[in-house]
């Protein structure tokens, strides 16, 4: 039954509507199941002769908790829930998963001394480093009880077998390092008396974790098949010293070594082949050695400098899967070296890299994950000191007209850097009952003063870019900064920030920055408006008289008036009077000069 349109919302799903799923007869016992499925999907008409299954279907959207609440008659505590084979679009903090999906893909087995092809059964189990089988580690499907051994379908007298059977291996995260999968192969006789005497004729294995600490890569693996005495084939002390994958064996051959007969090892079934594929869905185990180096930084602090640099080269898709653990690692480094600034800049740059990833359109849905992490999981009480220190240093470099590439990247992450900074300061204040409040305010003031020095510069090139970025991104931090910083002092710093920029420099960007400030909660405070509004009206008056950047001027003035006419704005009379005194004459002259039909006049009239 094709449910594509239902899943995409193109077709209605109704539990009262019944759908018929016809039974597909198997033409021959040796037809592979995956081939049969392909035939059914491709077939336009199936001669089912009235045999089939009637089902009803309803698409339920939302998370499991909400669905159980909204549809208790459909989903209860006994309803089976199958997780996606792969990662969801969003991995929320606290969503710990460690599932390894194993697919028996195909195999080719020589009949050897038999007159007909073997009826091969594959038996898969999960073993520890001693070869002991871990019980109930294999899941055959959601809702089914876990099993210790998985037995494949047996096809009758087929040389090239294609199973495409998938199971899930679920073991504790701490056990993965010492665990491997073992596959044994046995001929199944159609005669029960003879079948009991059949012994395994080959085995293969693969470790779930590589020597470098990363997990088995996703994809297909061509395993080496070993033959020998059936009693010794399952002896882990022998086979674990042999190579498991043909790729590893080929690499060894290229180096001039032989793998066919190692000391005490089993001979290889050179005529036989066996392939599996794996998919690791884990929020704790990575397949990237560079990311692993950072996550396990405590085990090798001498390589910390290099691992922090390597993190910024890791593929974004791999990083976001381990976003919480990566952030935990970065902030634990900050806390561990609270009295040492050796790694401060590298950790700061790595944090900017992570925030920059999430700003990318490809991963923008992880914004909610980052917000949740800051609110619920972030706990680095000393991080604010280091974040402010590094950022202030970068701004200072730029204010002296020097190239500062890290600051260019940091601007795009500025909003979240301050979210971390403010949250860190709040946690510190709660823990130590407001201690070091003055020191915090001084450090924030010092940072803004560095921005103000930067704005004074008349240099071109890199300085001009830094000034433009400051105008664009600094307003994004005001909401968080104002929550634990004196709003009047912040308003005075912002006024200097605007005033310091030379009058004819980045005029449009300055107007857009002031518009952004107007739309913050800071501007809604009456005492803050008293500080900020005069510099805005003075700037507007000069520009309107010169007929410079008229559209941006109208945008700013419109936003100011819209805010002033909101409820709960205190007493706006003084503010409106200031606007009338400074701007009414200039605005009237501009309107007369533009004419009634000008697009600015029409759009402004429509908005009111």
Protein backbone atom coordinates (compact mmCIF):
# COMPACT_ATOMS: atom_id res chain seq x y z
CA UNK A 1 0.00 0.00 0.00
CA UNK A 2 1.45 3.33 -1.09
CA UNK A 3 1.09 5.92 1.72
CA UNK A 4 3.32 8.64 0.20
CA UNK A 5 0.49 11.11 -0.37
CA UNK A 6 -0.86 10.56 3.15
CA UNK A 7 2.53 11.24 4.75
CA UNK A 8 2.99 14.38 2.62
CA UNK A 9 -0.48 15.63 3.54
CA UNK A 10 -1.73 15.45 -0.04
CA UNK A 11 -4.39 12.88 0.85
CA UNK A 12 -6.69 12.70 3.87
CA UNK A 13 -6.25 9.98 6.44
CA UNK A 14 -9.39 8.85 8.24
CA UNK A 15 -9.61 6.00 10.71
CA UNK A 16 -13.15 5.25 9.44
CA UNK A 17 -11.93 4.76 5.88
CA UNK A 18 -10.74 1.25 5.04
CA UNK A 19 -7.90 0.35 2.67
CA UNK A 20 -7.38 -3.02 1.02
CA UNK A 21 -3.87 -4.49 0.95
CA UNK A 22 -3.80 -7.53 -1.36
CA UNK A 23 -1.82 -10.62 -0.52
CA UNK A 24 1.01 -11.34 -2.95
CA UNK A 25 1.59 -15.00 -3.61
CA UNK A 26 5.17 -16.25 -3.62
CA UNK A 27 5.87 -17.91 -6.97
CA UNK A 28 8.81 -19.97 -5.76
CA UNK A 29 10.34 -20.76 -2.39
CA UNK A 30 13.72 -19.48 -3.45
CA UNK A 31 12.44 -16.01 -4.41
CA UNK A 32 14.22 -13.40 -2.31
CA UNK A 33 11.89 -11.35 -0.14
CA UNK A 34 13.38 -8.02 -1.21
CA UNK A 35 12.92 -8.99 -4.88
CA UNK A 36 9.30 -9.86 -4.15
CA UNK A 37 8.72 -6.48 -2.51
CA UNK A 38 10.19 -4.68 -5.52
CA UNK A 39 7.86 -6.62 -7.82
CA UNK A 40 4.82 -5.72 -5.74
CA UNK A 41 5.75 -2.03 -5.59
CA UNK A 42 6.38 -1.90 -9.34
CA UNK A 43 3.28 -3.88 -10.30
CA UNK A 44 0.24 -1.87 -11.43
CA UNK A 45 -2.29 -4.64 -10.94
CA UNK A 46 -2.10 -7.64 -8.64
CA UNK A 47 -4.25 -10.70 -9.19
CA UNK A 48 -5.12 -11.11 -5.52
CA UNK A 49 -8.32 -13.12 -6.09
CA UNK A 50 -10.00 -11.28 -3.24
CA UNK A 51 -7.34 -12.30 -0.71
CA UNK A 52 -5.88 -9.50 1.35
CA UNK A 53 -6.07 -7.40 4.46
CA UNK A 54 -8.35 -4.45 5.25
CA UNK A 55 -6.77 -1.70 7.31
CA UNK A 56 -7.61 1.82 8.44
CA UNK A 57 -5.05 4.57 8.73
CA UNK A 58 -4.84 7.96 10.43
CA UNK A 59 -1.84 10.30 10.36
CA UNK A 60 -1.10 11.78 13.78
CA UNK A 61 1.26 14.75 13.94
CA UNK A 62 3.22 15.95 16.96
CA UNK A 63 5.48 14.40 19.57
CA UNK A 64 4.52 11.16 21.29
CA UNK A 65 3.54 12.80 24.59
CA UNK A 66 1.13 15.19 22.87
CA UNK A 67 -0.31 12.49 20.61
CA UNK A 68 -1.09 10.27 23.60
CA UNK A 69 -2.85 13.20 25.22
CA UNK A 70 -4.85 14.17 22.12
CA UNK A 71 -5.68 10.65 20.88
CA UNK A 72 -5.88 8.36 23.94
CA UNK A 73 -8.29 6.02 22.11
CA UNK A 74 -5.68 5.43 19.38
CA UNK A 75 -2.37 5.62 21.23
CA UNK A 76 -1.93 4.27 24.74
CA UNK A 77 0.94 2.95 26.83
CA UNK A 78 0.85 -0.38 25.00
CA UNK A 79 1.12 1.13 21.52
CA UNK A 80 4.32 0.11 19.77
CA UNK A 81 6.55 3.03 18.80
CA UNK A 82 9.24 2.52 16.15
CA UNK A 83 12.02 5.10 15.96
CA UNK A 84 13.30 6.32 12.63
CA UNK A 85 16.27 4.47 11.14
CA UNK A 86 18.38 7.58 11.18
CA UNK A 87 18.36 10.88 12.99
CA UNK A 88 15.32 13.16 13.18
CA UNK A 89 15.54 16.72 11.89
CA UNK A 90 15.96 17.97 15.46
CA UNK A 91 17.83 16.21 18.28
CA UNK A 92 16.78 17.86 21.51
CA UNK A 93 19.15 17.96 24.51
CA UNK A 94 18.60 14.91 26.70
CA UNK A 95 17.47 12.73 23.78
CA UNK A 96 20.02 9.95 24.27
CA UNK A 97 20.09 7.20 21.68
CA UNK A 98 22.45 4.35 20.92
CA UNK A 99 21.01 2.12 18.19
CA UNK A 100 23.07 0.17 15.67
CA UNK A 101 21.16 -1.22 12.69
CA UNK A 102 22.68 -4.24 10.98
CA UNK A 103 21.49 -5.51 7.60
CA UNK A 104 22.42 -8.93 6.25
CA UNK A 105 22.89 -7.89 2.64
CA UNK A 106 24.08 -10.85 0.59
CA UNK A 107 26.43 -13.81 0.41
CA UNK A 108 27.86 -16.24 -2.08
CA UNK A 109 28.74 -19.77 -0.96
CA UNK A 110 30.52 -22.49 -2.89
CA UNK A 111 28.92 -25.93 -2.71
CA UNK A 112 32.38 -27.49 -2.13
CA UNK A 113 32.00 -31.29 -1.88
CA UNK A 114 28.21 -31.28 -2.07
CA UNK A 115 26.35 -32.11 -5.27
CA UNK A 116 23.90 -29.25 -4.82
CA UNK A 117 24.11 -25.72 -3.42
CA UNK A 118 23.91 -25.26 0.33
CA UNK A 119 20.80 -24.11 2.17
CA UNK A 120 22.65 -21.44 4.16
CA UNK A 121 21.41 -20.04 7.46
CA UNK A 122 23.18 -17.07 9.05
CA UNK A 123 23.20 -16.86 12.82
CA UNK A 124 24.10 -13.45 14.26
CA UNK A 125 24.88 -12.66 17.89
CA UNK A 126 26.58 -9.92 19.90
CA UNK A 127 29.69 -10.93 21.84
CA UNK A 128 32.11 -9.34 24.28
CA UNK A 129 35.91 -9.43 24.03
CA UNK A 130 36.02 -12.95 25.53
CA UNK A 131 33.56 -14.26 22.94
CA UNK A 132 30.75 -14.62 25.47
CA UNK A 133 27.37 -13.96 23.90
CA UNK A 134 25.55 -10.92 25.31
CA UNK A 135 21.95 -11.99 25.96
CA UNK A 136 18.95 -10.18 24.47
CA UNK A 137 21.02 -7.64 22.53
CA UNK A 138 19.24 -8.08 19.19
CA UNK A 139 15.86 -6.56 18.33
CA UNK A 140 13.96 -7.99 15.37
CA UNK A 141 11.39 -5.19 15.36
CA UNK A 142 9.64 -2.59 17.51
CA UNK A 143 7.34 -4.22 20.04
CA UNK A 144 9.01 -7.62 19.72
CA UNK A 145 10.98 -9.08 22.59
CA UNK A 146 14.76 -8.89 22.13
CA UNK A 147 16.58 -12.09 21.28
CA UNK A 148 20.09 -13.39 21.87
CA UNK A 149 20.56 -14.85 18.37
CA UNK A 150 19.11 -13.75 15.07
CA UNK A 151 18.46 -16.48 12.48
CA UNK A 152 18.20 -15.49 8.84
CA UNK A 153 15.72 -16.76 6.29
CA UNK A 154 16.99 -19.94 4.61
CA UNK A 155 16.76 -20.07 0.81
CA UNK A 156 16.74 -23.48 -0.86
CA UNK A 157 19.84 -24.36 -2.88
CA UNK A 158 20.86 -20.84 -3.90
CA UNK A 159 24.52 -19.95 -4.51
CA UNK A 160 24.12 -16.16 -4.46
CA UNK A 161 21.82 -15.23 -1.61
CA UNK A 162 20.37 -11.76 -1.00
CA UNK A 163 18.68 -11.42 2.38
CA UNK A 164 18.35 -7.66 3.01
CA UNK A 165 17.21 -8.45 6.56
CA UNK A 166 17.67 -5.70 9.13
CA UNK A 167 17.88 -5.99 12.90
CA UNK A 168 18.79 -3.55 15.64
CA UNK A 169 21.60 -4.03 18.11
CA UNK A 170 20.91 -2.27 21.39
CA UNK A 171 23.66 -2.33 24.01
CA UNK A 172 24.86 0.04 26.70
CA UNK A 173 27.08 2.85 25.45
CA UNK A 174 29.92 1.85 27.75
CA UNK A 175 29.87 -1.72 26.35
CA UNK A 176 30.33 -0.80 22.68
CA UNK A 177 34.11 -0.57 22.94
CA UNK A 178 34.44 -4.23 23.94
CA UNK A 179 31.70 -5.62 21.70
CA UNK A 180 31.67 -7.29 18.31
CA UNK A 181 29.15 -9.00 16.03
CA UNK A 182 29.68 -12.65 15.22
CA UNK A 183 28.15 -14.37 12.22
CA UNK A 184 28.18 -18.14 11.86
CA UNK A 185 27.05 -20.06 8.77
CA UNK A 186 25.38 -23.41 8.74
CA UNK A 187 23.88 -25.70 6.09
CA UNK A 188 20.28 -26.59 6.89
CA UNK A 189 19.16 -29.98 5.61
CA UNK A 190 15.57 -30.59 4.57
CA UNK A 191 15.79 -33.94 6.38
CA UNK A 192 15.36 -33.41 10.12
CA UNK A 193 17.59 -36.33 11.10
CA UNK A 194 20.49 -35.01 8.99
CA UNK A 195 19.88 -31.39 9.96
CA UNK A 196 20.64 -32.09 13.62
CA UNK A 197 24.13 -33.21 12.68
CA UNK A 198 25.00 -30.16 10.62
CA UNK A 199 27.76 -27.97 12.03
CA UNK A 200 28.83 -24.45 11.22
CA UNK A 201 31.14 -24.34 8.22
CA UNK A 202 32.26 -20.71 8.38
CA UNK A 203 32.26 -17.62 10.54
CA UNK A 204 32.81 -13.87 10.23
CA UNK A 205 32.97 -11.05 12.72
CA UNK A 206 33.24 -7.28 12.93
CA UNK A 207 34.00 -5.01 15.87
CA UNK A 208 31.56 -2.20 16.61
CA UNK A 209 34.34 0.22 17.49
CA UNK A 210 37.58 0.88 15.66
CA UNK A 211 40.97 1.10 17.39
CA UNK A 212 40.88 4.92 17.24
CA UNK A 213 37.69 4.96 19.34
CA UNK A 214 35.26 5.83 16.54
CA UNK A 215 32.33 3.57 15.74
CA UNK A 216 32.02 1.34 12.71
CA UNK A 217 31.36 3.54 9.68
CA UNK A 218 27.93 3.55 8.09
CA UNK A 219 27.59 1.61 4.86
CA UNK A 220 28.44 -1.79 3.45
CA UNK A 221 31.17 -4.05 4.82
CA UNK A 222 32.66 -6.99 2.95
CA UNK A 223 33.55 -9.39 5.76
CA UNK A 224 36.25 -12.04 5.65
CA UNK A 225 34.86 -15.58 5.99
CA UNK A 226 36.91 -18.07 7.98
CA UNK A 227 36.56 -21.86 7.92
CA UNK A 228 37.91 -24.61 10.13
CA UNK A 229 37.01 -26.83 13.04
CA UNK A 230 33.51 -25.82 14.11
CA UNK A 231 34.51 -26.03 17.76
CA UNK A 232 37.31 -23.51 17.26
CA UNK A 233 35.50 -21.16 14.89
CA UNK A 234 33.71 -19.55 17.84
CA UNK A 235 36.89 -19.19 19.89
CA UNK A 236 37.32 -15.42 20.25
CA UNK A 237 40.92 -15.73 21.38
CA UNK A 238 41.68 -17.02 17.87
CA UNK A 239 39.43 -15.12 15.50
CA UNK A 240 39.75 -11.68 17.12
CA UNK A 241 43.42 -11.69 16.13
CA UNK A 242 42.42 -12.12 12.48
CA UNK A 243 41.25 -9.38 10.14
CA UNK A 244 37.49 -8.89 9.89
CA UNK A 245 36.97 -6.90 6.68
CA UNK A 246 38.35 -7.54 3.20
CA UNK A 247 39.25 -3.88 2.87
CA UNK A 248 41.63 -4.25 5.83
CA UNK A 249 42.96 -7.47 4.33
CA UNK A 250 43.58 -5.81 0.96
CA UNK A 251 45.45 -2.97 2.69
CA UNK A 252 47.63 -5.54 4.43
CA UNK A 253 48.34 -7.33 1.16
CA UNK A 254 49.33 -4.03 -0.44
CA UNK A 255 51.89 -3.64 2.30
CA UNK A 256 53.34 -7.04 1.35
CA UNK A 257 51.92 -9.02 4.28
CA UNK A 258 49.99 -12.26 4.16
CA UNK A 259 46.75 -12.80 6.05
CA UNK A 260 45.90 -16.27 4.83
CA UNK A 261 47.55 -18.21 7.61
CA UNK A 262 48.33 -16.32 10.80
CA UNK A 263 49.66 -18.06 13.88
CA UNK A 264 46.81 -20.10 15.31
CA UNK A 265 44.36 -18.46 12.92
CA UNK A 266 41.70 -19.95 10.68
CA UNK A 267 42.09 -20.34 6.91
CA UNK A 268 39.98 -18.05 4.74
CA UNK A 269 37.03 -19.18 2.61
CA UNK A 270 38.43 -17.61 -0.54
CA UNK A 271 35.52 -18.74 -2.73
CA UNK A 272 32.83 -17.43 -0.42
CA UNK A 273 31.74 -13.87 0.30
CA UNK A 274 29.46 -12.15 2.78
CA UNK A 275 28.37 -8.52 3.01
CA UNK A 276 26.53 -6.60 5.69
CA UNK A 277 25.64 -2.93 6.03
CA UNK A 278 25.45 -0.92 9.24
CA UNK A 279 23.86 2.34 10.34
CA UNK A 280 24.81 3.87 13.69
CA UNK A 281 22.18 6.12 15.27
CA UNK A 282 23.94 7.30 18.40
CA UNK A 283 24.02 10.65 20.17
CA UNK A 284 27.09 9.54 22.15
CA UNK A 285 29.28 7.58 19.73
CA UNK A 286 30.78 9.37 16.74
CA UNK A 287 32.34 8.08 13.54
CA UNK A 288 34.59 11.14 13.23
CA UNK A 289 38.00 10.85 14.86
CA UNK A 290 38.50 14.63 15.09
CA UNK A 291 35.20 15.16 16.88
CA UNK A 292 35.98 12.22 19.14
CA UNK A 293 39.28 13.87 20.07
CA UNK A 294 37.39 16.83 21.50
CA UNK A 295 34.63 14.83 23.17
CA UNK A 296 37.29 12.72 24.94
CA UNK A 297 39.60 15.68 25.60
CA UNK A 298 40.30 14.69 29.22
CA UNK A 299 42.03 11.50 28.10
CA UNK A 300 44.67 13.46 26.16
CA UNK A 301 44.97 17.08 27.28
CA UNK A 302 48.30 17.43 25.47
CA UNK A 303 46.39 17.26 22.16
CA UNK A 304 43.65 19.69 23.25
CA UNK A 305 45.03 22.60 21.25
CA UNK A 306 45.06 20.53 18.05
CA UNK A 307 41.67 18.93 18.72
CA UNK A 308 40.00 22.32 19.16
CA UNK A 309 41.37 23.41 15.79
CA UNK A 310 40.28 20.15 14.12
CA UNK A 311 36.72 20.55 15.43
CA UNK A 312 36.24 23.55 13.15
CA UNK A 313 36.92 21.33 10.12
CA UNK A 314 34.45 18.57 11.02
CA UNK A 315 31.40 18.14 8.78
CA UNK A 316 28.46 20.10 10.16
CA UNK A 317 26.06 17.18 9.85
CA UNK A 318 28.17 15.12 12.23
CA UNK A 319 28.65 17.96 14.71
CA UNK A 320 24.95 18.82 15.14
CA UNK A 321 24.20 15.18 16.04
CA UNK A 322 26.44 15.66 19.06
CA UNK A 323 25.61 19.31 19.72
CA UNK A 324 24.95 18.95 23.45
CA UNK A 325 28.05 16.84 24.10
CA UNK A 326 30.22 19.19 22.02
CA UNK A 327 28.95 22.25 23.89
CA UNK A 328 29.44 20.41 27.19
CA UNK A 329 33.02 19.65 26.19
CA UNK A 330 33.80 23.27 25.26
CA UNK A 331 32.40 24.71 28.46
CA UNK A 332 33.98 22.00 30.62
CA UNK A 333 37.35 23.04 29.14
CA UNK A 334 36.58 26.63 30.15
CA UNK A 335 35.70 25.56 33.67
CA UNK A 336 38.66 23.20 33.99
CA UNK A 337 41.10 25.94 32.97
CA UNK A 338 39.30 28.81 34.72
CA UNK A 339 42.60 30.29 35.94
CA UNK A 340 44.41 29.74 32.64
CA UNK A 341 43.75 31.60 29.38
CA UNK A 342 45.68 29.16 27.17
CA UNK A 343 42.61 27.72 25.45
CA UNK A 344 40.21 30.68 25.80
CA UNK A 345 40.44 31.95 22.23
CA UNK A 346 40.29 28.49 20.69
CA UNK A 347 37.22 27.55 22.76
CA UNK A 348 35.60 30.87 21.87
CA UNK A 349 36.31 30.32 18.16
CA UNK A 350 34.97 26.76 18.38
CA UNK A 351 31.78 28.05 20.02
CA UNK A 352 31.42 30.61 17.23
CA UNK A 353 31.87 27.77 14.72
CA UNK A 354 29.03 25.79 16.33
CA UNK A 355 26.69 28.78 16.44
CA UNK A 356 27.61 29.58 12.85
CA UNK A 357 26.64 26.05 11.81
CA UNK A 358 23.20 26.46 13.31
CA UNK A 359 22.79 29.83 11.59
CA UNK A 360 23.25 28.00 8.28
CA UNK A 361 19.96 27.37 6.51
CA UNK A 362 20.71 23.65 6.41
CA UNK A 363 20.73 23.40 10.21
CA UNK A 364 18.57 26.35 11.21
CA UNK A 365 15.97 24.05 12.82
CA UNK A 366 18.62 23.39 15.51
CA UNK A 367 18.02 26.92 16.86
CA UNK A 368 15.38 25.44 19.16
CA UNK A 369 17.94 22.87 20.35
CA UNK A 370 20.46 25.59 21.17
CA UNK A 371 17.84 27.64 23.02
CA UNK A 372 16.78 24.57 25.02
CA UNK A 373 20.41 23.80 25.86
CA UNK A 374 21.01 27.31 27.19
CA UNK A 375 17.84 27.23 29.31
CA UNK A 376 17.96 23.70 30.64
CA UNK A 377 21.43 22.15 30.36
CA UNK A 378 24.06 24.91 30.32
CA UNK A 379 25.82 25.16 33.69
CA UNK A 380 29.21 26.88 33.19
CA UNK A 381 29.13 29.58 35.88
CA UNK A 382 32.52 31.05 34.95
CA UNK A 383 32.06 31.08 31.17
CA UNK A 384 30.85 34.69 31.07
CA UNK A 385 34.24 35.98 32.25
CA UNK A 386 36.14 34.24 29.47
CA UNK A 387 33.60 34.97 26.73
CA UNK A 388 33.59 38.69 27.53
CA UNK A 389 37.38 38.76 27.84
CA UNK A 390 38.03 37.16 24.44
CA UNK A 391 35.37 39.23 22.66
CA UNK A 392 36.70 42.45 24.19
CA UNK A 393 40.19 41.53 23.04
CA UNK A 394 39.01 40.93 19.48
CA UNK A 395 37.11 44.24 19.35
CA UNK A 396 40.19 46.01 20.72
CA UNK A 397 42.31 44.59 17.89
CA UNK A 398 39.78 45.78 15.32
CA UNK A 399 39.51 49.23 16.96
CA UNK A 400 43.23 49.71 16.32
CA UNK A 401 42.69 49.16 12.60
CA UNK A 402 44.22 45.68 12.60
CA UNK A 403 42.86 42.63 10.79
CA UNK A 404 40.80 40.40 13.10
CA UNK A 405 39.29 37.47 11.21
CA UNK A 406 37.85 35.77 14.35
CA UNK A 407 35.77 38.88 15.08
CA UNK A 408 34.24 38.78 11.59
CA UNK A 409 32.98 35.26 12.32
CA UNK A 410 31.96 36.18 15.87
CA UNK A 411 29.62 38.95 14.75
CA UNK A 412 27.17 36.47 13.21
CA UNK A 413 27.20 34.50 16.46
CA UNK A 414 27.02 37.58 18.71
CA UNK A 415 23.42 37.08 19.81
CA UNK A 416 24.03 33.58 21.12
CA UNK A 417 27.41 34.46 22.61
CA UNK A 418 25.57 36.97 24.79
CA UNK A 419 22.83 34.48 25.58
CA UNK A 420 25.52 32.18 26.96
CA UNK A 421 27.22 35.10 28.70
CA UNK A 422 24.06 36.33 30.41
CA UNK A 423 22.93 32.82 31.38
CA UNK A 424 26.37 32.09 32.82
CA UNK A 425 26.31 35.30 34.85
CA UNK A 426 22.80 34.50 36.14
CA UNK A 427 23.92 31.04 37.27
CA UNK A 428 26.98 32.52 38.96
CA UNK A 429 24.86 35.16 40.69
CA UNK A 430 22.39 32.54 41.93
CA UNK A 431 25.18 30.34 43.22
CA UNK A 432 27.11 33.10 45.00
CA UNK A 433 24.19 35.42 45.87
CA UNK A 434 25.03 38.27 43.51
CA UNK A 435 28.76 38.28 44.13
CA UNK A 436 31.00 40.17 41.64
CA UNK A 437 28.11 42.15 40.17
CA UNK A 438 30.26 45.27 39.87
CA UNK A 439 33.04 43.36 38.13
CA UNK A 440 30.55 41.97 35.60
CA UNK A 441 29.10 45.40 34.81
CA UNK A 442 32.59 46.86 34.41
CA UNK A 443 33.53 44.10 31.95
CA UNK A 444 30.36 44.68 29.88
CA UNK A 445 30.97 48.44 29.94
CA UNK A 446 34.57 47.91 28.84
CA UNK A 447 33.37 45.83 25.88
CA UNK A 448 30.89 48.49 24.74
CA UNK A 449 33.53 51.17 25.13
CA UNK A 450 35.79 49.19 22.80
CA UNK A 451 32.94 49.09 20.28
CA UNK A 452 32.59 52.86 20.67
CA UNK A 453 36.30 53.36 19.98
CA UNK A 454 35.93 51.20 16.88
CA UNK A 455 33.06 53.38 15.66
CA UNK A 456 35.21 56.55 15.84
CA UNK A 457 37.69 55.35 13.23
CA UNK A 458 37.70 56.91 9.76
CA UNK A 459 39.84 54.17 8.22
CA UNK A 460 38.53 52.30 5.19
CA UNK A 461 38.76 48.62 4.28
CA UNK A 462 38.60 46.19 7.17
CA UNK A 463 37.62 48.86 9.72
CA UNK A 464 34.64 49.90 7.62
CA UNK A 465 33.48 46.28 7.47
CA UNK A 466 33.82 45.93 11.25
CA UNK A 467 31.81 49.09 11.82
CA UNK A 468 29.05 47.88 9.51
CA UNK A 469 28.92 44.52 11.28
CA UNK A 470 28.79 46.28 14.67
CA UNK A 471 25.80 48.36 13.56
CA UNK A 472 24.02 45.26 12.28
CA UNK A 473 24.64 42.78 15.07
CA UNK A 474 25.05 44.76 18.31
CA UNK A 475 21.30 45.50 18.62
CA UNK A 476 20.63 41.73 18.67
CA UNK A 477 22.25 41.41 22.11
CA UNK A 478 20.39 44.25 23.87
CA UNK A 479 17.44 42.13 25.00
CA UNK A 480 19.69 39.74 26.93
CA UNK A 481 22.19 42.34 28.18
CA UNK A 482 19.46 44.62 29.52
CA UNK A 483 18.01 41.77 31.61
CA UNK A 484 20.94 41.92 34.08
CA UNK A 485 22.62 45.24 33.28
CA UNK A 486 21.66 48.80 34.23
CA UNK A 487 19.38 49.89 31.33
CA UNK A 488 20.23 53.58 31.73
CA UNK A 489 23.95 52.90 31.56
CA UNK A 490 23.37 50.64 28.54
CA UNK A 491 21.37 53.42 26.85
CA UNK A 492 24.19 55.89 27.43
CA UNK A 493 26.68 53.44 25.93
CA UNK A 494 24.42 53.00 22.89
CA UNK A 495 24.08 56.76 22.48
CA UNK A 496 27.87 57.06 22.38
CA UNK A 497 27.96 54.10 19.98
CA UNK A 498 25.73 56.03 17.54
CA UNK A 499 27.36 59.43 18.09
CA UNK A 500 30.89 58.17 17.61
CA UNK A 501 30.33 57.11 14.02
CA UNK A 502 31.37 59.99 11.70
CA UNK A 503 28.23 61.72 10.28
CA UNK A 504 28.68 60.76 6.63
CA UNK A 505 29.86 57.20 7.26
CA UNK A 506 27.58 54.13 6.84
CA UNK A 507 24.50 56.36 6.99
CA UNK A 508 21.97 53.72 5.88
CA UNK A 509 23.42 51.09 8.19
CA UNK A 510 23.32 53.52 11.11
CA UNK A 511 19.63 54.23 10.49
CA UNK A 512 18.87 50.51 10.25
CA UNK A 513 20.75 49.94 13.52
CA UNK A 514 18.72 52.67 15.27
CA UNK A 515 15.51 51.09 13.89
CA UNK A 516 16.56 47.78 15.43
CA UNK A 517 17.22 49.53 18.77
CA UNK A 518 13.76 51.14 18.65
CA UNK A 519 12.21 47.67 18.38
CA UNK A 520 13.85 46.39 21.57
CA UNK A 521 12.31 46.41 25.04
CA UNK A 522 15.04 48.85 26.06
CA UNK A 523 13.44 51.62 23.97
CA UNK A 524 10.07 50.93 25.60
CA UNK A 525 11.44 52.14 28.94
CA UNK A 526 10.66 55.82 29.38
CA UNK A 527 13.98 56.73 31.00
CA UNK A 528 15.91 54.93 28.23
CA UNK A 529 13.98 56.71 25.48
CA UNK A 530 14.91 60.00 27.13
CA UNK A 531 18.55 59.11 26.48
CA UNK A 532 18.24 57.52 23.03
CA UNK A 533 15.49 59.46 21.26
CA UNK A 534 17.27 62.85 21.10
CA UNK A 535 20.25 61.44 19.19
CA UNK A 536 17.84 59.69 16.81
CA UNK A 537 15.77 62.79 16.10
CA UNK A 538 18.91 64.92 15.68
CA UNK A 539 20.30 62.39 13.18
CA UNK A 540 16.98 62.22 11.32
CA UNK A 541 16.66 66.02 11.11
CA UNK A 542 20.07 66.41 9.49
CA UNK A 543 19.46 63.63 6.97
CA UNK A 544 15.93 64.72 6.05
CA UNK A 545 17.10 68.27 5.44
CA UNK A 546 19.80 66.92 3.13
CA UNK A 547 17.29 64.51 1.51
CA UNK A 548 19.72 61.70 2.28
CA UNK A 549 18.59 58.05 2.69
CA UNK A 550 14.93 59.08 2.70
CA UNK A 551 13.51 55.55 2.75
CA UNK A 552 15.60 54.51 5.79
CA UNK A 553 14.67 57.78 7.53
CA UNK A 554 10.96 57.14 6.99
CA UNK A 555 11.38 53.57 8.26
CA UNK A 556 13.04 54.77 11.47
CA UNK A 557 10.54 57.53 12.12
CA UNK A 558 7.60 55.19 11.44
CA UNK A 559 8.94 52.66 13.93
CA UNK A 560 9.48 55.35 16.59
CA UNK A 561 5.91 56.63 16.22
CA UNK A 562 4.49 53.10 16.21
CA UNK A 563 6.26 52.30 19.49
CA UNK A 564 5.20 55.56 21.12
CA UNK A 565 1.53 54.94 20.36
CA UNK A 566 1.53 51.51 21.97
CA UNK A 567 -0.06 51.01 25.34
CA UNK A 568 2.06 50.86 28.50
CA UNK A 569 4.70 53.21 27.11
CA UNK A 570 4.57 55.45 30.15
CA UNK A 571 4.10 59.11 29.30
CA UNK A 572 5.17 59.65 25.67
CA UNK A 573 4.16 63.33 25.56
CA UNK A 574 7.70 64.59 26.02
CA UNK A 575 8.97 62.24 23.33
CA UNK A 576 6.30 63.32 20.85
CA UNK A 577 7.04 66.96 21.63
CA UNK A 578 10.73 66.38 20.92
CA UNK A 579 9.82 64.82 17.56
CA UNK A 580 7.49 67.75 16.71
CA UNK A 581 10.09 70.35 17.66
CA UNK A 582 12.94 68.77 15.68
CA UNK A 583 11.28 67.04 12.77
CA UNK A 584 7.87 68.47 11.88
CA UNK A 585 9.18 71.30 9.74
CA UNK A 586 11.77 69.09 8.01
CA UNK A 587 9.24 66.31 7.37
CA UNK A 588 6.70 68.76 5.90
CA UNK A 589 9.33 70.17 3.57
CA UNK A 590 10.32 66.65 2.50
CA UNK A 591 6.68 65.71 1.81
CA UNK A 592 6.13 68.84 -0.28
CA UNK A 593 9.32 68.16 -2.20
CA UNK A 594 8.45 64.50 -2.86
CA UNK A 595 4.87 65.09 -3.91
CA UNK A 596 1.71 63.23 -2.90
CA UNK A 597 2.20 60.38 -5.36
CA UNK A 598 5.71 59.45 -4.27
CA UNK A 599 6.02 55.82 -3.13
CA UNK A 600 7.32 56.83 0.31
CA UNK A 601 4.34 59.09 0.97
CA UNK A 602 1.85 56.45 -0.22
CA UNK A 603 3.42 53.57 1.77
CA UNK A 604 3.67 55.67 4.93
CA UNK A 605 0.03 56.79 4.64
CA UNK A 606 -1.12 53.18 4.18
CA UNK A 607 0.71 52.05 7.32
CA UNK A 608 -1.27 54.48 9.43
